[in-house]
C-alpha atoms as a PDB file:
ATOM      1  CA  MET A   1     -57.294   0.883  10.693  1.00  0.00           C
ATOM      2  CA  ILE A   2     -53.555   0.035  10.935  1.00  0.00           C
ATOM      3  CA  ASN A   3     -51.284   2.764   9.597  1.00  0.00           C
ATOM      4  CA  LYS A   4     -48.347   0.774   8.426  1.00  0.00           C
ATOM      5  CA  LYS A   5     -45.311   2.169   7.416  1.00  0.00           C
ATOM      6  CA  LEU A   6     -43.893   0.432   3.990  1.00  0.00           C
ATOM      7  CA  ARG A   7     -40.197   0.139   3.927  1.00  0.00           C
ATOM      8  CA  GLY A   8     -38.189   0.716   0.377  1.00  0.00           C
ATOM      9  CA  LEU A   9     -35.326  -1.988  -0.554  1.00  0.00           C
ATOM     10  CA  ASP A  10     -32.480   0.619   0.001  1.00  0.00           C
ATOM     11  CA  GLU A  11     -34.091   1.440   3.513  1.00  0.00           C
ATOM     12  CA  ILE A  12     -32.917  -2.045   4.320  1.00  0.00           C
ATOM     13  CA  LYS A  13     -30.414  -3.529   2.813  1.00  0.00           C
ATOM     14  CA  ASN A  14     -28.994   0.246   4.840  1.00  0.00           C
ATOM     15  CA  GLU A  15     -30.952  -1.747   8.205  1.00  0.00           C
ATOM     16  CA  ILE A  16     -28.452  -5.108   7.729  1.00  0.00           C
ATOM     17  CA  GLU A  17     -25.301  -3.612   5.812  1.00  0.00           C
ATOM     18  CA  GLU A  18     -21.957  -5.175   7.959  1.00  0.00           C
ATOM     19  CA  PRO A  19     -20.576  -2.725   9.953  1.00  0.00           C
ATOM     20  CA  LYS A  20     -17.545  -0.471   7.614  1.00  0.00           C
ATOM     21  CA  TYR A  21     -15.216  -1.275   9.516  1.00  0.00           C
ATOM     22  CA  ASP A  22     -12.518  -3.921  11.930  1.00  0.00           C
ATOM     23  CA  TYR A  23     -11.321  -4.508  15.314  1.00  0.00           C
ATOM     24  CA  LEU A  24      -8.830  -6.851  16.965  1.00  0.00           C
ATOM     25  CA  GLU A  25      -9.802  -8.256  20.131  1.00  0.00           C
ATOM     26  CA  LYS A  26      -6.428  -9.892  21.989  1.00  0.00           C
ATOM     27  CA  PHE A  27      -5.822 -10.860  25.030  1.00  0.00           C
ATOM     28  CA  ALA A  28      -2.687 -10.321  27.074  1.00  0.00           C
ATOM     29  CA  THR A  29      -1.760 -11.474  31.019  1.00  0.00           C
ATOM     30  CA  MET A  30       0.556  -9.228  33.248  1.00  0.00           C
ATOM     31  CA  SER A  31       3.310 -10.108  34.372  1.00  0.00           C
ATOM     32  CA  ASP A  32       4.396  -7.820  38.034  1.00  0.00           C
ATOM     33  CA  ASP A  33       8.503  -7.043  39.095  1.00  0.00           C
ATOM     34  CA  ASP A  34       7.994  -5.647  42.278  1.00  0.00           C
ATOM     35  CA  LYS A  35       7.729  -2.121  41.140  1.00  0.00           C
ATOM     36  CA  SER A  36       4.901  -1.724  37.639  1.00  0.00           C
ATOM     37  CA  LEU A  37       2.506  -4.405  36.093  1.00  0.00           C
ATOM     38  CA  LEU A  38       3.718  -5.071  32.178  1.00  0.00           C
ATOM     39  CA  ILE A  39       1.572  -6.242  29.599  1.00  0.00           C
ATOM     40  CA  ARG A  40       3.517  -7.393  26.441  1.00  0.00           C
ATOM     41  CA  ILE A  41       0.948  -5.411  23.706  1.00  0.00           C
ATOM     42  CA  PRO A  42      -0.623  -8.410  20.798  1.00  0.00           C
ATOM     43  CA  GLN A  43       1.356  -8.718  17.148  1.00  0.00           C
ATOM     44  CA  GLU A  44      -1.314  -8.134  15.418  1.00  0.00           C
ATOM     45  CA  ILE A  45      -2.614  -4.440  18.263  1.00  0.00           C
ATOM     46  CA  ARG A  46       1.486  -3.587  17.671  1.00  0.00           C
ATOM     47  CA  ASN A  47       1.972  -4.309  13.511  1.00  0.00           C
ATOM     48  CA  LYS A  48      -1.764  -2.189  12.810  1.00  0.00           C
ATOM     49  CA  PHE A  49      -0.687   0.658  14.895  1.00  0.00           C
ATOM     50  CA  ASN A  50       2.369   0.847  14.141  1.00  0.00           C
ATOM     51  CA  LEU A  51       3.586   0.593  17.130  1.00  0.00           C
ATOM     52  CA  LYS A  52       7.666   1.046  18.256  1.00  0.00           C
ATOM     53  CA  ALA A  53       9.853   0.780  21.614  1.00  0.00           C
ATOM     54  CA  GLY A  54       9.933   4.019  22.723  1.00  0.00           C
ATOM     55  CA  ASP A  55       5.504   5.680  21.771  1.00  0.00           C
ATOM     56  CA  LYS A  56       3.894   5.567  24.445  1.00  0.00           C
ATOM     57  CA  ILE A  57       0.343   5.388  25.989  1.00  0.00           C
ATOM     58  CA  ARG A  58      -1.538   7.410  28.134  1.00  0.00           C
ATOM     59  CA  PHE A  59      -4.270   5.052  30.740  1.00  0.00           C
ATOM     60  CA  TYR A  60      -6.859   6.893  31.309  1.00  0.00           C
ATOM     61  CA  ALA A  61      -9.712   6.100  34.591  1.00  0.00           C
ATOM     62  CA  LYS A  62     -12.366   6.928  35.336  1.00  0.00           C
ATOM     63  CA  PHE A  63     -14.060   5.682  38.339  1.00  0.00           C
ATOM     64  CA  GLU A  64     -17.543   6.807  39.168  1.00  0.00           C
ATOM     65  CA  GLU A  65     -19.800   6.163  42.218  1.00  0.00           C
ATOM     66  CA  GLU A  66     -22.605   2.800  42.355  1.00  0.00           C
ATOM     67  CA  LYS A  67     -20.963   2.988  38.362  1.00  0.00           C
ATOM     68  CA  LYS A  68     -18.478   0.483  37.259  1.00  0.00           C
ATOM     69  CA  PRO A  69     -14.427   1.659  36.787  1.00  0.00           C
ATOM     70  CA  GLU A  70     -13.466   2.074  33.442  1.00  0.00           C
ATOM     71  CA  LEU A  71     -10.137   2.605  31.967  1.00  0.00           C
ATOM     72  CA  ILE A  72      -9.640   3.828  27.928  1.00  0.00           C
ATOM     73  CA  ILE A  73      -5.972   2.965  26.469  1.00  0.00           C
ATOM     74  CA  GLU A  74      -5.246   5.312  23.683  1.00  0.00           C
ATOM     75  CA  VAL A  75      -1.423   5.270  21.672  1.00  0.00           C
ATOM     76  CA  VAL A  76       0.137   9.570  22.460  1.00  0.00           C
ATOM     77  CA  ARG A  77       1.075  11.029  18.350  1.00  0.00           C
ATOM     78  CA  CYS A  78       3.062  13.805  19.946  1.00  0.00           C
END
């Protein structure tokens, strides 16, 4: 005998519910001034985070053997 678990309507609605968050995906091209690589933060990202000149951004890079390097960028609020 096959034991199939029946699902209720609420359980099904929860599974197909769309995420309760919004996201932005933008791309930027780096340029070089012979001292550093420069990047311009897209306007939509700047507006969402309320970024302005003088704000700090933290770059965290993780390098593990036999794994793809990981780069995390976050806004630092003091």
